[in-house]
């Protein structure tokens, strides 16, 4: 399974729409739009999990694809490096 980063999403995009967009390329295991903790509004990006072969097809097809007047940035998600807090040495 691969985790896909989807950036430059229209602010109005919800998880069901993200799921529908990617399901044309295979089985979507999960789709999530990241929202701001304080306001609850979309931050303009999300993540989709698919089987590796389907994920590659979706990435190739949807990177640069226009949705709501915005060109999506779609690629394999990279693990986020652990951030050290002020009290971590």
PDB file of N, CA and C in Angstrom:
ATOM      1  N   UNK A   1       0.847  -1.179   0.000  1.00  0.00           N
ATOM      2  CA  UNK A   1       0.000   0.000   0.000  1.00  0.00           C
ATOM      3  C   UNK A   1       0.890   1.239   0.000  1.00  0.00           C
ATOM      4  N   UNK A   2       0.428   2.274  -0.715  1.00  0.00           N
ATOM      5  CA  UNK A   2       1.164   3.538  -0.768  1.00  0.00           C
ATOM      6  C   UNK A   2       0.288   4.669  -0.257  1.00  0.00           C
ATOM      7  N   UNK A   3       0.954   5.628   0.373  1.00  0.00           N
ATOM      8  CA  UNK A   3       0.284   6.842   0.833  1.00  0.00           C
ATOM      9  C   UNK A   3       0.624   7.946  -0.166  1.00  0.00           C
ATOM     10  N   UNK A   4      -0.402   8.624  -0.655  1.00  0.00           N
ATOM     11  CA  UNK A   4      -0.255   9.648  -1.686  1.00  0.00           C
ATOM     12  C   UNK A   4      -0.557  11.017  -1.080  1.00  0.00           C
ATOM     13  N   UNK A   5       0.327  11.978  -1.351  1.00  0.00           N
ATOM     14  CA  UNK A   5       0.112  13.372  -0.961  1.00  0.00           C
ATOM     15  C   UNK A   5      -0.643  14.057  -2.095  1.00  0.00           C
ATOM     16  N   UNK A   6      -1.695  14.807  -1.752  1.00  0.00           N
ATOM     17  CA  UNK A   6      -2.468  15.557  -2.737  1.00  0.00           C
ATOM     18  C   UNK A   6      -2.481  17.012  -2.285  1.00  0.00           C
ATOM     19  N   UNK A   7      -1.760  17.866  -3.017  1.00  0.00           N
ATOM     20  CA  UNK A   7      -1.662  19.271  -2.652  1.00  0.00           C
ATOM     21  C   UNK A   7      -2.386  20.176  -3.622  1.00  0.00           C
ATOM     22  N   UNK A   8      -2.579  21.405  -3.194  1.00  0.00           N
ATOM     23  CA  UNK A   8      -3.244  22.456  -3.976  1.00  0.00           C
ATOM     24  C   UNK A   8      -4.718  22.129  -4.213  1.00  0.00           C
ATOM     25  N   UNK A   9      -5.335  21.495  -3.226  1.00  0.00           N
ATOM     26  CA  UNK A   9      -6.760  21.180  -3.324  1.00  0.00           C
ATOM     27  C   UNK A   9      -7.594  22.453  -3.182  1.00  0.00           C
ATOM     28  N   UNK A  10      -8.712  22.531  -3.904  1.00  0.00           N
ATOM     29  CA  UNK A  10      -9.638  23.644  -3.652  1.00  0.00           C
ATOM     30  C   UNK A  10     -10.098  23.580  -2.186  1.00  0.00           C
ATOM     31  N   UNK A  11     -10.304  24.731  -1.590  1.00  0.00           N
ATOM     32  CA  UNK A  11     -10.674  24.780  -0.163  1.00  0.00           C
ATOM     33  C   UNK A  11     -11.965  24.028   0.116  1.00  0.00           C
ATOM     34  N   UNK A  12     -12.834  23.910  -0.870  1.00  0.00           N
ATOM     35  CA  UNK A  12     -14.138  23.274  -0.669  1.00  0.00           C
ATOM     36  C   UNK A  12     -14.106  21.753  -0.765  1.00  0.00           C
ATOM     37  N   UNK A  13     -12.971  21.161  -1.141  1.00  0.00           N
ATOM     38  CA  UNK A  13     -12.893  19.709  -1.328  1.00  0.00           C
ATOM     39  C   UNK A  13     -13.072  18.974  -0.006  1.00  0.00           C
ATOM     40  N   UNK A  14     -13.941  17.961  -0.020  1.00  0.00           N
ATOM     41  CA  UNK A  14     -14.119  17.150   1.183  1.00  0.00           C
ATOM     42  C   UNK A  14     -13.589  15.732   0.926  1.00  0.00           C
ATOM     43  N   UNK A  15     -13.612  14.898   1.945  1.00  0.00           N
ATOM     44  CA  UNK A  15     -13.024  13.565   1.845  1.00  0.00           C
ATOM     45  C   UNK A  15     -13.756  12.681   0.846  1.00  0.00           C
ATOM     46  N   UNK A  16     -15.075  12.808   0.744  1.00  0.00           N
ATOM     47  CA  UNK A  16     -15.841  12.003  -0.214  1.00  0.00           C
ATOM     48  C   UNK A  16     -15.447  12.351  -1.650  1.00  0.00           C
ATOM     49  N   UNK A  17     -15.253  13.644  -1.927  1.00  0.00           N
ATOM     50  CA  UNK A  17     -14.841  14.068  -3.269  1.00  0.00           C
ATOM     51  C   UNK A  17     -13.424  13.572  -3.587  1.00  0.00           C
ATOM     52  N   UNK A  18     -12.540  13.624  -2.608  1.00  0.00           N
ATOM     53  CA  UNK A  18     -11.182  13.139  -2.798  1.00  0.00           C
ATOM     54  C   UNK A  18     -11.194  11.633  -3.080  1.00  0.00           C
ATOM     55  N   UNK A  19     -12.004  10.910  -2.335  1.00  0.00           N
ATOM     56  CA  UNK A  19     -12.160   9.471  -2.532  1.00  0.00           C
ATOM     57  C   UNK A  19     -12.679   9.187  -3.937  1.00  0.00           C
ATOM     58  N   UNK A  20     -13.708   9.907  -4.367  1.00  0.00           N
ATOM     59  CA  UNK A  20     -14.291   9.699  -5.700  1.00  0.00           C
ATOM     60  C   UNK A  20     -13.269   9.959  -6.800  1.00  0.00           C
ATOM     61  N   UNK A  21     -12.478  11.002  -6.645  1.00  0.00           N
ATOM     62  CA  UNK A  21     -11.484  11.365  -7.655  1.00  0.00           C
ATOM     63  C   UNK A  21     -10.470  10.235  -7.847  1.00  0.00           C
ATOM     64  N   UNK A  22     -10.001   9.646  -6.760  1.00  0.00           N
ATOM     65  CA  UNK A  22      -8.971   8.613  -6.835  1.00  0.00           C
ATOM     66  C   UNK A  22      -9.541   7.228  -7.111  1.00  0.00           C
ATOM     67  N   UNK A  23     -10.803   6.991  -6.792  1.00  0.00           N
ATOM     68  CA  UNK A  23     -11.379   5.657  -6.986  1.00  0.00           C
ATOM     69  C   UNK A  23     -11.479   5.273  -8.464  1.00  0.00           C
ATOM     70  N   UNK A  24     -11.370   6.243  -9.360  1.00  0.00           N
ATOM     71  CA  UNK A  24     -11.364   5.935 -10.797  1.00  0.00           C
ATOM     72  C   UNK A  24     -10.109   5.151 -11.182  1.00  0.00           C
ATOM     73  N   UNK A  25      -9.095   5.131 -10.321  1.00  0.00           N
ATOM     74  CA  UNK A  25      -7.821   4.480 -10.625  1.00  0.00           C
ATOM     75  C   UNK A  25      -7.582   3.224  -9.800  1.00  0.00           C
ATOM     76  N   UNK A  26      -8.519   2.868  -8.936  1.00  0.00           N
ATOM     77  CA  UNK A  26      -8.385   1.656  -8.138  1.00  0.00           C
ATOM     78  C   UNK A  26      -9.063   1.805  -6.789  1.00  0.00           C
ATOM     79  N   UNK A  27      -8.863   0.803  -5.961  1.00  0.00           N
ATOM     80  CA  UNK A  27      -9.485   0.770  -4.642  1.00  0.00           C
ATOM     81  C   UNK A  27      -8.805   1.760  -3.696  1.00  0.00           C
ATOM     82  N   UNK A  28      -9.589   2.661  -3.131  1.00  0.00           N
ATOM     83  CA  UNK A  28      -9.084   3.643  -2.166  1.00  0.00           C
ATOM     84  C   UNK A  28      -9.301   3.083  -0.764  1.00  0.00           C
ATOM     85  N   UNK A  29      -8.216   2.904  -0.020  1.00  0.00           N
ATOM     86  CA  UNK A  29      -8.315   2.391   1.347  1.00  0.00           C
ATOM     87  C   UNK A  29      -8.695   3.503   2.327  1.00  0.00           C
ATOM     88  N   UNK A  30      -8.188   4.715   2.077  1.00  0.00           N
ATOM     89  CA  UNK A  30      -8.560   5.858   2.916  1.00  0.00           C
ATOM     90  C   UNK A  30      -8.285   7.147   2.159  1.00  0.00           C
ATOM     91  N   UNK A  31      -9.050   8.166   2.490  1.00  0.00           N
ATOM     92  CA  UNK A  31      -8.862   9.499   1.919  1.00  0.00           C
ATOM     93  C   UNK A  31      -9.143  10.504   3.026  1.00  0.00           C
ATOM     94  N   UNK A  32      -8.221  11.453   3.204  1.00  0.00           N
ATOM     95  CA  UNK A  32      -8.376  12.440   4.273  1.00  0.00           C
ATOM     96  C   UNK A  32      -7.934  13.810   3.784  1.00  0.00           C
ATOM     97  N   UNK A  33      -8.757  14.819   4.073  1.00  0.00           N
ATOM     98  CA  UNK A  33      -8.398  16.207   3.805  1.00  0.00           C
ATOM     99  C   UNK A  33      -7.946  16.791   5.139  1.00  0.00           C
ATOM    100  N   UNK A  34      -6.776  17.390   5.165  1.00  0.00           N
ATOM    101  CA  UNK A  34      -6.223  17.932   6.408  1.00  0.00           C
ATOM    102  C   UNK A  34      -6.873  19.288   6.682  1.00  0.00           C
ATOM    103  N   UNK A  35      -7.336  19.450   7.918  1.00  0.00           N
ATOM    104  CA  UNK A  35      -7.978  20.713   8.284  1.00  0.00           C
ATOM    105  C   UNK A  35      -7.239  21.371   9.448  1.00  0.00           C
ATOM    106  N   UNK A  36      -7.410  22.673   9.541  1.00  0.00           N
ATOM    107  CA  UNK A  36      -6.784  23.462  10.593  1.00  0.00           C
ATOM    108  C   UNK A  36      -7.421  23.097  11.934  1.00  0.00           C
ATOM    109  N   UNK A  37      -6.598  22.908  12.948  1.00  0.00           N
ATOM    110  CA  UNK A  37      -7.118  22.525  14.274  1.00  0.00           C
ATOM    111  C   UNK A  37      -8.016  23.585  14.886  1.00  0.00           C
ATOM    112  N   UNK A  38      -7.677  24.840  14.681  1.00  0.00           N
ATOM    113  CA  UNK A  38      -8.417  25.921  15.330  1.00  0.00           C
ATOM    114  C   UNK A  38      -9.692  26.302  14.586  1.00  0.00           C
ATOM    115  N   UNK A  39      -9.617  26.396  13.255  1.00  0.00           N
ATOM    116  CA  UNK A  39     -10.770  26.866  12.484  1.00  0.00           C
ATOM    117  C   UNK A  39     -11.595  25.738  11.888  1.00  0.00           C
ATOM    118  N   UNK A  40     -10.999  24.562  11.733  1.00  0.00           N
ATOM    119  CA  UNK A  40     -11.705  23.450  11.107  1.00  0.00           C
ATOM    120  C   UNK A  40     -11.754  23.543   9.589  1.00  0.00           C
ATOM    121  N   UNK A  41     -11.173  24.593   9.021  1.00  0.00           N
ATOM    122  CA  UNK A  41     -11.177  24.773   7.563  1.00  0.00           C
ATOM    123  C   UNK A  41     -10.061  23.948   6.927  1.00  0.00           C
ATOM    124  N   UNK A  42     -10.286  23.565   5.682  1.00  0.00           N
ATOM    125  CA  UNK A  42      -9.294  22.799   4.938  1.00  0.00           C
ATOM    126  C   UNK A  42      -7.982  23.569   4.849  1.00  0.00           C
ATOM    127  N   UNK A  43      -6.865  22.843   4.904  1.00  0.00           N
ATOM    128  CA  UNK A  43      -5.553  23.463   4.727  1.00  0.00           C
ATOM    129  C   UNK A  43      -5.091  23.347   3.281  1.00  0.00           C
ATOM    130  N   UNK A  44      -5.925  22.762   2.410  1.00  0.00           N
ATOM    131  CA  UNK A  44      -5.607  22.707   0.986  1.00  0.00           C
ATOM    132  C   UNK A  44      -4.788  21.509   0.558  1.00  0.00           C
ATOM    133  N   UNK A  45      -4.681  20.503   1.439  1.00  0.00           N
ATOM    134  CA  UNK A  45      -3.992  19.282   1.044  1.00  0.00           C
ATOM    135  C   UNK A  45      -4.584  18.093   1.782  1.00  0.00           C
ATOM    136  N   UNK A  46      -4.252  16.912   1.289  1.00  0.00           N
ATOM    137  CA  UNK A  46      -4.779  15.704   1.908  1.00  0.00           C
ATOM    138  C   UNK A  46      -3.926  14.502   1.555  1.00  0.00           C
ATOM    139  N   UNK A  47      -4.386  13.341   1.994  1.00  0.00           N
ATOM    140  CA  UNK A  47      -3.668  12.093   1.764  1.00  0.00           C
ATOM    141  C   UNK A  47      -4.654  11.011   1.360  1.00  0.00           C
ATOM    142  N   UNK A  48      -4.193  10.142   0.454  1.00  0.00           N
ATOM    143  CA  UNK A  48      -4.990   9.014  -0.006  1.00  0.00           C
ATOM    144  C   UNK A  48      -4.112   7.774   0.108  1.00  0.00           C
ATOM    145  N   UNK A  49      -4.694   6.659   0.558  1.00  0.00           N
ATOM    146  CA  UNK A  49      -3.964   5.393   0.602  1.00  0.00           C
ATOM    147  C   UNK A  49      -4.598   4.429  -0.388  1.00  0.00           C
ATOM    148  N   UNK A  50      -3.746   3.844  -1.247  1.00  0.00           N
ATOM    149  CA  UNK A  50      -4.181   2.900  -2.271  1.00  0.00           C
ATOM    150  C   UNK A  50      -3.148   1.789  -2.391  1.00  0.00           C
ATOM    151  N   UNK A  51      -3.528   0.682  -3.062  1.00  0.00           N
ATOM    152  CA  UNK A  51      -2.554  -0.354  -3.385  1.00  0.00           C
ATOM    153  C   UNK A  51      -1.487   0.267  -4.275  1.00  0.00           C
ATOM    154  N   UNK A  52      -0.262  -0.241  -4.185  1.00  0.00           N
ATOM    155  CA  UNK A  52       0.892   0.375  -4.857  1.00  0.00           C
ATOM    156  C   UNK A  52       0.680   0.569  -6.359  1.00  0.00           C
ATOM    157  N   UNK A  53       0.212  -0.438  -7.060  1.00  0.00           N
ATOM    158  CA  UNK A  53       0.042  -0.334  -8.513  1.00  0.00           C
ATOM    159  C   UNK A  53      -1.015   0.718  -8.869  1.00  0.00           C
ATOM    160  N   UNK A  54      -2.137   0.716  -8.147  1.00  0.00           N
ATOM    161  CA  UNK A  54      -3.197   1.704  -8.383  1.00  0.00           C
ATOM    162  C   UNK A  54      -2.718   3.103  -8.031  1.00  0.00           C
ATOM    163  N   UNK A  55      -1.928   3.205  -6.964  1.00  0.00           N
ATOM    164  CA  UNK A  55      -1.399   4.509  -6.534  1.00  0.00           C
ATOM    165  C   UNK A  55      -0.515   5.105  -7.622  1.00  0.00           C
ATOM    166  N   UNK A  56       0.332   4.292  -8.228  1.00  0.00           N
ATOM    167  CA  UNK A  56       1.205   4.782  -9.299  1.00  0.00           C
ATOM    168  C   UNK A  56       0.387   5.291 -10.478  1.00  0.00           C
ATOM    169  N   UNK A  57      -0.683   4.561 -10.834  1.00  0.00           N
ATOM    170  CA  UNK A  57      -1.556   5.002 -11.930  1.00  0.00           C
ATOM    171  C   UNK A  57      -2.210   6.338 -11.592  1.00  0.00           C
ATOM    172  N   UNK A  58      -2.706   6.460 -10.373  1.00  0.00           N
ATOM    173  CA  UNK A  58      -3.381   7.680  -9.943  1.00  0.00           C
ATOM    174  C   UNK A  58      -2.421   8.868  -9.920  1.00  0.00           C
ATOM    175  N   UNK A  59      -1.211   8.652  -9.421  1.00  0.00           N
ATOM    176  CA  UNK A  59      -0.218   9.730  -9.361  1.00  0.00           C
ATOM    177  C   UNK A  59       0.086  10.233 -10.769  1.00  0.00           C
ATOM    178  N   UNK A  60       0.333   9.304 -11.692  1.00  0.00           N
ATOM    179  CA  UNK A  60       0.648   9.685 -13.073  1.00  0.00           C
ATOM    180  C   UNK A  60      -0.504  10.414 -13.747  1.00  0.00           C
ATOM    181  N   UNK A  61      -1.728   9.981 -13.465  1.00  0.00           N
ATOM    182  CA  UNK A  61      -2.887  10.571 -14.122  1.00  0.00           C
ATOM    183  C   UNK A  61      -3.311  11.909 -13.515  1.00  0.00           C
ATOM    184  N   UNK A  62      -3.163  12.052 -12.202  1.00  0.00           N
ATOM    185  CA  UNK A  62      -3.742  13.217 -11.528  1.00  0.00           C
ATOM    186  C   UNK A  62      -2.761  14.335 -11.196  1.00  0.00           C
ATOM    187  N   UNK A  63      -1.465  14.093 -11.268  1.00  0.00           N
ATOM    188  CA  UNK A  63      -0.521  15.169 -10.999  1.00  0.00           C
ATOM    189  C   UNK A  63      -0.662  16.223 -12.101  1.00  0.00           C
ATOM    190  N   UNK A  64      -1.002  17.450 -11.706  1.00  0.00           N
ATOM    191  CA  UNK A  64      -1.223  18.531 -12.667  1.00  0.00           C
ATOM    192  C   UNK A  64      -2.658  18.617 -13.151  1.00  0.00           C
ATOM    193  N   UNK A  65      -3.489  17.627 -12.802  1.00  0.00           N
ATOM    194  CA  UNK A  65      -4.909  17.611 -13.188  1.00  0.00           C
ATOM    195  C   UNK A  65      -5.623  18.794 -12.517  1.00  0.00           C
ATOM    196  N   UNK A  66      -6.464  19.474 -13.254  1.00  0.00           N
ATOM    197  CA  UNK A  66      -7.140  20.644 -12.711  1.00  0.00           C
ATOM    198  C   UNK A  66      -8.460  20.262 -12.043  1.00  0.00           C
ATOM    199  N   UNK A  67      -8.623  20.720 -10.820  1.00  0.00           N
ATOM    200  CA  UNK A  67      -9.857  20.516 -10.055  1.00  0.00           C
ATOM    201  C   UNK A  67     -10.246  21.861  -9.471  1.00  0.00           C
ATOM    202  N   UNK A  68     -11.434  22.323  -9.778  1.00  0.00           N
ATOM    203  CA  UNK A  68     -11.900  23.602  -9.241  1.00  0.00           C
ATOM    204  C   UNK A  68     -10.996  24.756  -9.605  1.00  0.00           C
ATOM    205  N   UNK A  69     -10.377  24.703 -10.785  1.00  0.00           N
ATOM    206  CA  UNK A  69      -9.504  25.777 -11.231  1.00  0.00           C
ATOM    207  C   UNK A  69      -8.097  25.728 -10.658  1.00  0.00           C
ATOM    208  N   UNK A  70      -7.769  24.653  -9.962  1.00  0.00           N
ATOM    209  CA  UNK A  70      -6.434  24.521  -9.361  1.00  0.00           C
ATOM    210  C   UNK A  70      -5.755  23.255  -9.873  1.00  0.00           C
ATOM    211  N   UNK A  71      -4.485  23.353 -10.233  1.00  0.00           N
ATOM    212  CA  UNK A  71      -3.705  22.195 -10.687  1.00  0.00           C
ATOM    213  C   UNK A  71      -3.205  21.424  -9.472  1.00  0.00           C
ATOM    214  N   UNK A  72      -3.632  20.176  -9.348  1.00  0.00           N
ATOM    215  CA  UNK A  72      -3.237  19.361  -8.206  1.00  0.00           C
ATOM    216  C   UNK A  72      -1.759  19.001  -8.262  1.00  0.00           C
ATOM    217  N   UNK A  73      -1.154  18.882  -7.091  1.00  0.00           N
ATOM    218  CA  UNK A  73       0.197  18.331  -6.950  1.00  0.00           C
ATOM    219  C   UNK A  73       0.021  16.970  -6.277  1.00  0.00           C
ATOM    220  N   UNK A  74       0.336  15.927  -7.019  1.00  0.00           N
ATOM    221  CA  UNK A  74       0.101  14.576  -6.520  1.00  0.00           C
ATOM    222  C   UNK A  74       1.406  13.793  -6.598  1.00  0.00           C
ATOM    223  N   UNK A  75       1.848  13.259  -5.460  1.00  0.00           N
ATOM    224  CA  UNK A  75       3.046  12.420  -5.441  1.00  0.00           C
ATOM    225  C   UNK A  75       3.004  11.488  -4.244  1.00  0.00           C
ATOM    226  N   UNK A  76       3.962  10.569  -4.211  1.00  0.00           N
ATOM    227  CA  UNK A  76       4.020   9.653  -3.080  1.00  0.00           C
ATOM    228  C   UNK A  76       4.385  10.449  -1.836  1.00  0.00           C
ATOM    229  N   UNK A  77       3.646  10.232  -0.772  1.00  0.00           N
ATOM    230  CA  UNK A  77       3.887  10.965   0.475  1.00  0.00           C
ATOM    231  C   UNK A  77       5.232  10.558   1.061  1.00  0.00           C
ATOM    232  N   UNK A  78       5.937  11.525   1.599  1.00  0.00           N
ATOM    233  CA  UNK A  78       7.211  11.282   2.274  1.00  0.00           C
ATOM    234  C   UNK A  78       6.957  11.295   3.773  1.00  0.00           C
ATOM    235  N   UNK A  79       7.648  10.418   4.472  1.00  0.00           N
ATOM    236  CA  UNK A  79       7.520  10.412   5.929  1.00  0.00           C
ATOM    237  C   UNK A  79       7.995  11.750   6.476  1.00  0.00           C
ATOM    238  N   UNK A  80       7.223  12.298   7.365  1.00  0.00           N
ATOM    239  CA  UNK A  80       7.573  13.573   7.963  1.00  0.00           C
ATOM    240  C   UNK A  80       8.653  13.365   9.010  1.00  0.00           C
ATOM    241  N   UNK A  81       9.738  14.123   8.934  1.00  0.00           N
ATOM    242  CA  UNK A  81      10.778  13.950   9.961  1.00  0.00           C
ATOM    243  C   UNK A  81      10.243  14.342  11.331  1.00  0.00           C
ATOM    244  N   UNK A  82      10.684  13.630  12.328  1.00  0.00           N
ATOM    245  CA  UNK A  82      10.231  13.952  13.690  1.00  0.00           C
ATOM    246  C   UNK A  82      10.775  15.312  14.088  1.00  0.00           C
ATOM    247  N   UNK A  83       9.871  16.131  14.575  1.00  0.00           N
ATOM    248  CA  UNK A  83      10.295  17.458  15.035  1.00  0.00           C
ATOM    249  C   UNK A  83      10.674  17.364  16.497  1.00  0.00           C
ATOM    250  N   UNK A  84      11.738  18.036  16.861  1.00  0.00           N
ATOM    251  CA  UNK A  84      12.130  18.040  18.270  1.00  0.00           C
ATOM    252  C   UNK A  84      11.569  19.310  18.914  1.00  0.00           C
ATOM    253  N   UNK A  85      10.980  19.131  20.056  1.00  0.00           N
ATOM    254  CA  UNK A  85      10.419  20.265  20.774  1.00  0.00           C
ATOM    255  C   UNK A  85      11.497  20.998  21.537  1.00  0.00           C
ATOM    256  N   UNK A  86      11.133  22.088  22.186  1.00  0.00           N
ATOM    257  CA  UNK A  86      12.121  22.891  22.912  1.00  0.00           C
ATOM    258  C   UNK A  86      12.764  22.142  24.081  1.00  0.00           C
ATOM    259  N   UNK A  87      12.094  21.114  24.613  1.00  0.00           N
ATOM    260  CA  UNK A  87      12.634  20.397  25.761  1.00  0.00           C
ATOM    261  C   UNK A  87      13.323  19.095  25.373  1.00  0.00           C
ATOM    262  N   UNK A  88      13.474  18.830  24.083  1.00  0.00           N
ATOM    263  CA  UNK A  88      14.114  17.582  23.652  1.00  0.00           C
ATOM    264  C   UNK A  88      15.564  17.838  23.304  1.00  0.00           C
ATOM    265  N   UNK A  89      16.424  16.979  23.816  1.00  0.00           N
ATOM    266  CA  UNK A  89      17.850  17.138  23.539  1.00  0.00           C
ATOM    267  C   UNK A  89      18.335  15.962  22.858  1.00  0.00           C
TER     268      UNK A  89
END
